[in-house]
C-alpha atoms as a PDB file:
ATOM      1  CA  UNK A   1      99.866  78.677 112.396  1.00  0.00           C
ATOM      2  CA  UNK A   2      99.657  81.046 115.743  1.00  0.00           C
ATOM      3  CA  UNK A   3     103.480  80.847 115.744  1.00  0.00           C
ATOM      4  CA  UNK A   4     103.535  82.092 112.010  1.00  0.00           C
ATOM      5  CA  UNK A   5     101.039  85.002 112.654  1.00  0.00           C
ATOM      6  CA  UNK A   6     102.708  86.123 115.874  1.00  0.00           C
ATOM      7  CA  UNK A   7     106.195  86.183 114.067  1.00  0.00           C
ATOM      8  CA  UNK A   8     104.674  87.935 111.234  1.00  0.00           C
ATOM      9  CA  UNK A   9     103.217  90.807 113.347  1.00  0.00           C
ATOM     10  CA  UNK A  10     106.130  91.265 115.590  1.00  0.00           C
ATOM     11  CA  UNK A  11     108.586  91.630 112.560  1.00  0.00           C
ATOM     12  CA  UNK A  12     106.373  94.086 110.937  1.00  0.00           C
ATOM     13  CA  UNK A  13     108.010  96.759 112.467  1.00  0.00           C
ATOM     14  CA  UNK A  14     111.293  95.569 111.729  1.00  0.00           C
ATOM     15  CA  UNK A  15     110.327  95.734 108.012  1.00  0.00           C
ATOM     16  CA  UNK A  16     108.595  99.074 108.569  1.00  0.00           C
ATOM     17  CA  UNK A  17     111.956 100.329 109.753  1.00  0.00           C
ATOM     18  CA  UNK A  18     114.133  98.950 107.267  1.00  0.00           C
ATOM     19  CA  UNK A  19     111.644 100.114 104.449  1.00  0.00           C
ATOM     20  CA  UNK A  20     113.807 103.556 104.390  1.00  0.00           C
ATOM     21  CA  UNK A  21     111.802 105.586 101.833  1.00  0.00           C
ATOM     22  CA  UNK A  22     108.739 105.722 104.488  1.00  0.00           C
ATOM     23  CA  UNK A  23     111.151 106.219 107.331  1.00  0.00           C
ATOM     24  CA  UNK A  24     112.709 109.291 105.496  1.00  0.00           C
ATOM     25  CA  UNK A  25     109.153 110.503 104.576  1.00  0.00           C
ATOM     26  CA  UNK A  26     108.158 110.585 108.377  1.00  0.00           C
ATOM     27  CA  UNK A  27     111.306 112.469 109.209  1.00  0.00           C
ATOM     28  CA  UNK A  28     110.774 115.292 106.726  1.00  0.00           C
ATOM     29  CA  UNK A  29     107.468 115.623 108.292  1.00  0.00           C
ATOM     30  CA  UNK A  30     108.952 116.216 111.878  1.00  0.00           C
ATOM     31  CA  UNK A  31     108.405 119.690 113.247  1.00  0.00           C
ATOM     32  CA  UNK A  32     111.781 121.873 112.973  1.00  0.00           C
ATOM     33  CA  UNK A  33     113.954 121.091 115.978  1.00  0.00           C
ATOM     34  CA  UNK A  34     116.958 123.373 114.811  1.00  0.00           C
ATOM     35  CA  UNK A  35     120.403 121.245 114.433  1.00  0.00           C
ATOM     36  CA  UNK A  36     118.675 118.495 116.292  1.00  0.00           C
ATOM     37  CA  UNK A  37     116.347 117.443 113.084  1.00  0.00           C
ATOM     38  CA  UNK A  38     119.330 117.784 110.841  1.00  0.00           C
ATOM     39  CA  UNK A  39     121.652 115.361 112.521  1.00  0.00           C
ATOM     40  CA  UNK A  40     118.336 112.882 112.631  1.00  0.00           C
ATOM     41  CA  UNK A  41     117.514 113.546 109.140  1.00  0.00           C
ATOM     42  CA  UNK A  42     121.380 113.408 108.019  1.00  0.00           C
ATOM     43  CA  UNK A  43     121.225 109.899 109.948  1.00  0.00           C
ATOM     44  CA  UNK A  44     118.224 108.765 108.335  1.00  0.00           C
ATOM     45  CA  UNK A  45     119.454 109.342 104.929  1.00  0.00           C
ATOM     46  CA  UNK A  46     123.183 107.878 105.746  1.00  0.00           C
ATOM     47  CA  UNK A  47     120.946 104.659 107.033  1.00  0.00           C
ATOM     48  CA  UNK A  48     118.748 104.591 104.152  1.00  0.00           C
ATOM     49  CA  UNK A  49     121.216 104.995 101.635  1.00  0.00           C
ATOM     50  CA  UNK A  50     123.206 101.808 103.571  1.00  0.00           C
ATOM     51  CA  UNK A  51     119.883  99.847 103.335  1.00  0.00           C
ATOM     52  CA  UNK A  52     119.852 100.710  99.458  1.00  0.00           C
ATOM     53  CA  UNK A  53     123.798  99.757  99.191  1.00  0.00           C
ATOM     54  CA  UNK A  54     123.111  96.236 100.574  1.00  0.00           C
ATOM     55  CA  UNK A  55     120.194  95.668  97.941  1.00  0.00           C
ATOM     56  CA  UNK A  56     117.802  94.863 100.719  1.00  0.00           C
ATOM     57  CA  UNK A  57     115.008  96.644  98.591  1.00  0.00           C
ATOM     58  CA  UNK A  58     111.508  97.657 100.286  1.00  0.00           C
ATOM     59  CA  UNK A  59     110.655  94.556 102.538  1.00  0.00           C
ATOM     60  CA  UNK A  60     107.645  96.523 104.048  1.00  0.00           C
ATOM     61  CA  UNK A  61     106.019  97.045 100.376  1.00  0.00           C
ATOM     62  CA  UNK A  62     106.848  93.467  99.478  1.00  0.00           C
ATOM     63  CA  UNK A  63     105.319  91.982 102.563  1.00  0.00           C
ATOM     64  CA  UNK A  64     102.533  94.724 102.108  1.00  0.00           C
ATOM     65  CA  UNK A  65     101.871  92.892  98.578  1.00  0.00           C
ATOM     66  CA  UNK A  66     102.531  89.458  99.782  1.00  0.00           C
ATOM     67  CA  UNK A  67      99.430  89.881 102.518  1.00  0.00           C
ATOM     68  CA  UNK A  68      97.301  91.678  99.458  1.00  0.00           C
ATOM     69  CA  UNK A  69      97.675  88.886  97.524  1.00  0.00           C
ATOM     70  CA  UNK A  70      97.506  86.113  99.757  1.00  0.00           C
ATOM     71  CA  UNK A  71      94.230  87.521 101.585  1.00  0.00           C
ATOM     72  CA  UNK A  72      92.836  89.505  98.280  1.00  0.00           C
ATOM     73  CA  UNK A  73      92.531  92.866 100.075  1.00  0.00           C
ATOM     74  CA  UNK A  74      93.694  94.868  96.879  1.00  0.00           C
ATOM     75  CA  UNK A  75      94.121  94.140  93.187  1.00  0.00           C
ATOM     76  CA  UNK A  76      97.695  95.736  91.952  1.00  0.00           C
END
């Protein structure tokens, strides 16, 4: 059980990064950095499109929903 829990917590940031909508929301909340933020936003937008084209879905949302179901933390 310890290995499972450790693996879960280590992979949580990876799942968050693969949840493109959250990353894009974060990126659009950044302060204006001129042309630098345009490049970052463009990259994140392309990466989100790539993730969506692969059909990866929303792994962070799925993990969160699973954890809520298993632990009874929230009703959907």
